C-alpha atoms as a PDB file:
ATOM      1  CA  UNK A   1      73.480 105.263 -82.272  1.00  0.00           C
ATOM      2  CA  UNK A   2      72.484 104.211 -78.742  1.00  0.00           C
ATOM      3  CA  UNK A   3      73.742 107.542 -77.383  1.00  0.00           C
ATOM      4  CA  UNK A   4      71.619 109.469 -79.923  1.00  0.00           C
ATOM      5  CA  UNK A   5      68.494 107.472 -79.095  1.00  0.00           C
ATOM      6  CA  UNK A   6      69.124 107.885 -75.369  1.00  0.00           C
ATOM      7  CA  UNK A   7      69.610 111.633 -75.807  1.00  0.00           C
ATOM      8  CA  UNK A   8      66.401 111.937 -77.830  1.00  0.00           C
ATOM      9  CA  UNK A   9      64.432 109.947 -75.244  1.00  0.00           C
ATOM     10  CA  UNK A  10      65.783 112.112 -72.402  1.00  0.00           C
ATOM     11  CA  UNK A  11      64.864 115.290 -74.300  1.00  0.00           C
ATOM     12  CA  UNK A  12      61.350 114.023 -75.033  1.00  0.00           C
ATOM     13  CA  UNK A  13      60.762 112.966 -71.435  1.00  0.00           C
ATOM     14  CA  UNK A  14      61.987 116.342 -70.178  1.00  0.00           C
ATOM     15  CA  UNK A  15      59.792 118.281 -72.600  1.00  0.00           C
ATOM     16  CA  UNK A  16      56.764 116.142 -71.793  1.00  0.00           C
ATOM     17  CA  UNK A  17      57.288 116.594 -68.052  1.00  0.00           C
ATOM     18  CA  UNK A  18      57.338 120.375 -68.473  1.00  0.00           C
ATOM     19  CA  UNK A  19      54.293 120.413 -70.740  1.00  0.00           C
ATOM     20  CA  UNK A  20      52.318 117.845 -68.743  1.00  0.00           C
ATOM     21  CA  UNK A  21      53.065 119.425 -65.368  1.00  0.00           C
ATOM     22  CA  UNK A  22      50.004 121.640 -65.661  1.00  0.00           C
ATOM     23  CA  UNK A  23      49.373 125.291 -65.219  1.00  0.00           C
ATOM     24  CA  UNK A  24      50.383 126.780 -61.897  1.00  0.00           C
ATOM     25  CA  UNK A  25      48.374 130.040 -62.140  1.00  0.00           C
ATOM     26  CA  UNK A  26      45.959 131.424 -64.695  1.00  0.00           C
ATOM     27  CA  UNK A  27      44.226 134.556 -63.506  1.00  0.00           C
ATOM     28  CA  UNK A  28      44.757 138.021 -62.110  1.00  0.00           C
ATOM     29  CA  UNK A  29      46.263 139.195 -58.854  1.00  0.00           C
ATOM     30  CA  UNK A  30      46.598 142.526 -57.124  1.00  0.00           C
ATOM     31  CA  UNK A  31      48.010 143.135 -53.697  1.00  0.00           C
ATOM     32  CA  UNK A  32      49.412 145.811 -51.432  1.00  0.00           C
ATOM     33  CA  UNK A  33      49.763 146.460 -47.690  1.00  0.00           C
ATOM     34  CA  UNK A  34      45.982 146.473 -47.201  1.00  0.00           C
ATOM     35  CA  UNK A  35      44.657 143.801 -49.590  1.00  0.00           C
ATOM     36  CA  UNK A  36      45.109 140.679 -51.672  1.00  0.00           C
ATOM     37  CA  UNK A  37      42.648 140.147 -54.510  1.00  0.00           C
ATOM     38  CA  UNK A  38      42.904 137.131 -56.806  1.00  0.00           C
ATOM     39  CA  UNK A  39      40.605 135.839 -59.534  1.00  0.00           C
ATOM     40  CA  UNK A  40      41.733 132.569 -61.081  1.00  0.00           C
ATOM     41  CA  UNK A  41      40.775 129.842 -63.484  1.00  0.00           C
ATOM     42  CA  UNK A  42      43.714 127.787 -62.196  1.00  0.00           C
ATOM     43  CA  UNK A  43      45.558 128.054 -58.880  1.00  0.00           C
ATOM     44  CA  UNK A  44      48.091 125.318 -58.089  1.00  0.00           C
ATOM     45  CA  UNK A  45      50.527 127.168 -55.840  1.00  0.00           C
ATOM     46  CA  UNK A  46      50.842 129.262 -52.698  1.00  0.00           C
ATOM     47  CA  UNK A  47      50.750 133.048 -52.961  1.00  0.00           C
ATOM     48  CA  UNK A  48      51.665 135.451 -50.151  1.00  0.00           C
ATOM     49  CA  UNK A  49      50.962 139.103 -49.371  1.00  0.00           C
ATOM     50  CA  UNK A  50      52.189 141.224 -46.445  1.00  0.00           C
ATOM     51  CA  UNK A  51      49.476 143.334 -44.794  1.00  0.00           C
ATOM     52  CA  UNK A  52      50.106 146.210 -42.400  1.00  0.00           C
ATOM     53  CA  UNK A  53      47.383 146.083 -39.762  1.00  0.00           C
ATOM     54  CA  UNK A  54      46.687 148.003 -36.566  1.00  0.00           C
ATOM     55  CA  UNK A  55      44.987 146.828 -33.392  1.00  0.00           C
ATOM     56  CA  UNK A  56      41.248 147.126 -33.947  1.00  0.00           C
ATOM     57  CA  UNK A  57      41.400 146.661 -37.724  1.00  0.00           C
ATOM     58  CA  UNK A  58      38.905 144.313 -39.332  1.00  0.00           C
ATOM     59  CA  UNK A  59      39.934 142.092 -42.259  1.00  0.00           C
ATOM     60  CA  UNK A  60      37.177 141.146 -44.708  1.00  0.00           C
ATOM     61  CA  UNK A  61      37.423 137.730 -46.388  1.00  0.00           C
ATOM     62  CA  UNK A  62      35.345 136.985 -49.490  1.00  0.00           C
ATOM     63  CA  UNK A  63      36.074 133.573 -50.973  1.00  0.00           C
ATOM     64  CA  UNK A  64      34.438 131.963 -53.996  1.00  0.00           C
ATOM     65  CA  UNK A  65      35.446 128.331 -54.435  1.00  0.00           C
ATOM     66  CA  UNK A  66      34.164 126.957 -57.764  1.00  0.00           C
ATOM     67  CA  UNK A  67      36.451 123.908 -57.860  1.00  0.00           C
ATOM     68  CA  UNK A  68      39.404 122.331 -56.106  1.00  0.00           C
ATOM     69  CA  UNK A  69      40.772 123.225 -52.709  1.00  0.00           C
ATOM     70  CA  UNK A  70      41.693 126.633 -51.252  1.00  0.00           C
ATOM     71  CA  UNK A  71      43.652 126.965 -47.986  1.00  0.00           C
ATOM     72  CA  UNK A  72      44.029 130.361 -46.297  1.00  0.00           C
ATOM     73  CA  UNK A  73      46.123 131.617 -43.410  1.00  0.00           C
ATOM     74  CA  UNK A  74      46.538 135.054 -41.789  1.00  0.00           C
ATOM     75  CA  UNK A  75      49.503 135.223 -39.442  1.00  0.00           C
ATOM     76  CA  UNK A  76      51.563 137.869 -37.720  1.00  0.00           C
ATOM     77  CA  UNK A  77      55.241 137.208 -38.380  1.00  0.00           C
ATOM     78  CA  UNK A  78      56.558 134.592 -35.970  1.00  0.00           C
ATOM     79  CA  UNK A  79      53.247 133.991 -34.172  1.00  0.00           C
ATOM     80  CA  UNK A  80      50.340 131.582 -34.332  1.00  0.00           C
ATOM     81  CA  UNK A  81      47.865 132.306 -37.148  1.00  0.00           C
ATOM     82  CA  UNK A  82      44.910 134.521 -36.221  1.00  0.00           C
ATOM     83  CA  UNK A  83      42.987 132.681 -38.952  1.00  0.00           C
ATOM     84  CA  UNK A  84      43.807 129.398 -40.653  1.00  0.00           C
ATOM     85  CA  UNK A  85      41.522 127.084 -42.599  1.00  0.00           C
ATOM     86  CA  UNK A  86      41.944 124.315 -45.136  1.00  0.00           C
ATOM     87  CA  UNK A  87      39.549 123.590 -47.995  1.00  0.00           C
ATOM     88  CA  UNK A  88      37.681 126.881 -47.548  1.00  0.00           C
ATOM     89  CA  UNK A  89      34.297 126.893 -49.251  1.00  0.00           C
ATOM     90  CA  UNK A  90      32.486 129.902 -50.691  1.00  0.00           C
ATOM     91  CA  UNK A  91      32.002 132.283 -47.774  1.00  0.00           C
ATOM     92  CA  UNK A  92      32.307 135.832 -46.474  1.00  0.00           C
ATOM     93  CA  UNK A  93      33.504 136.622 -42.971  1.00  0.00           C
ATOM     94  CA  UNK A  94      35.588 139.035 -40.918  1.00  0.00           C
ATOM     95  CA  UNK A  95      38.574 138.649 -38.615  1.00  0.00           C
ATOM     96  CA  UNK A  96      39.355 141.290 -35.984  1.00  0.00           C
ATOM     97  CA  UNK A  97      42.985 142.206 -35.346  1.00  0.00           C
ATOM     98  CA  UNK A  98      43.940 142.611 -31.685  1.00  0.00           C
ATOM     99  CA  UNK A  99      47.672 143.234 -32.079  1.00  0.00           C
ATOM    100  CA  UNK A 100      49.058 145.592 -34.729  1.00  0.00           C
ATOM    101  CA  UNK A 101      51.960 144.706 -36.972  1.00  0.00           C
ATOM    102  CA  UNK A 102      52.892 143.075 -40.241  1.00  0.00           C
ATOM    103  CA  UNK A 103      50.781 140.058 -41.116  1.00  0.00           C
ATOM    104  CA  UNK A 104      51.209 137.585 -43.944  1.00  0.00           C
ATOM    105  CA  UNK A 105      48.172 136.251 -45.719  1.00  0.00           C
ATOM    106  CA  UNK A 106      48.771 133.071 -47.694  1.00  0.00           C
ATOM    107  CA  UNK A 107      46.461 131.450 -50.218  1.00  0.00           C
ATOM    108  CA  UNK A 108      47.178 127.921 -51.424  1.00  0.00           C
ATOM    109  CA  UNK A 109      45.235 126.395 -54.268  1.00  0.00           C
ATOM    110  CA  UNK A 110      45.108 122.795 -55.376  1.00  0.00           C
ATOM    111  CA  UNK A 111      43.326 122.496 -58.730  1.00  0.00           C
ATOM    112  CA  UNK A 112      41.392 125.546 -57.556  1.00  0.00           C
ATOM    113  CA  UNK A 113      39.122 127.821 -59.566  1.00  0.00           C
ATOM    114  CA  UNK A 114      37.444 130.883 -58.071  1.00  0.00           C
ATOM    115  CA  UNK A 115      38.384 134.124 -56.371  1.00  0.00           C
ATOM    116  CA  UNK A 116      39.752 135.447 -53.106  1.00  0.00           C
ATOM    117  CA  UNK A 117      39.402 138.973 -51.753  1.00  0.00           C
ATOM    118  CA  UNK A 118      41.115 139.689 -48.447  1.00  0.00           C
ATOM    119  CA  UNK A 119      40.981 143.385 -47.563  1.00  0.00           C
ATOM    120  CA  UNK A 120      41.450 145.635 -44.585  1.00  0.00           C
ATOM    121  CA  UNK A 121      37.980 147.069 -43.946  1.00  0.00           C
ATOM    122  CA  UNK A 122      37.513 150.763 -44.525  1.00  0.00           C
ATOM    123  CA  UNK A 123      36.416 152.176 -41.136  1.00  0.00           C
ATOM    124  CA  UNK A 124      34.152 154.722 -42.889  1.00  0.00           C
ATOM    125  CA  UNK A 125      32.056 151.976 -44.530  1.00  0.00           C
ATOM    126  CA  UNK A 126      31.737 149.563 -41.612  1.00  0.00           C
ATOM    127  CA  UNK A 127      28.228 148.954 -40.349  1.00  0.00           C
ATOM    128  CA  UNK A 128      27.486 149.929 -36.786  1.00  0.00           C
END
């Protein structure tokens, strides 16, 4: 009898832990070698995207932070980040790339709600 009760309690605790752990991601995501676009009602994880960038490229960042915390980093493999910020608020800005190569953009959300658009700028639409 004690074994049955113990087994039931363990099962209930395990099921509750899974159900109560919360949603990790609820939203949409698209990414390729020139962009990462995310729109989310819930973001409680880190997402990565590899970007192929050349010297002189401009990366556009458009962040909408409606709730929670969003951390962003753009880093060439094995080097210091060219951009890194914690608790990014709603903003739009650009980062110029001085050294071509493969970069990793990472977005970490903690109880976050909003959107992130990180795209390699199209040279034909840049303002002079």
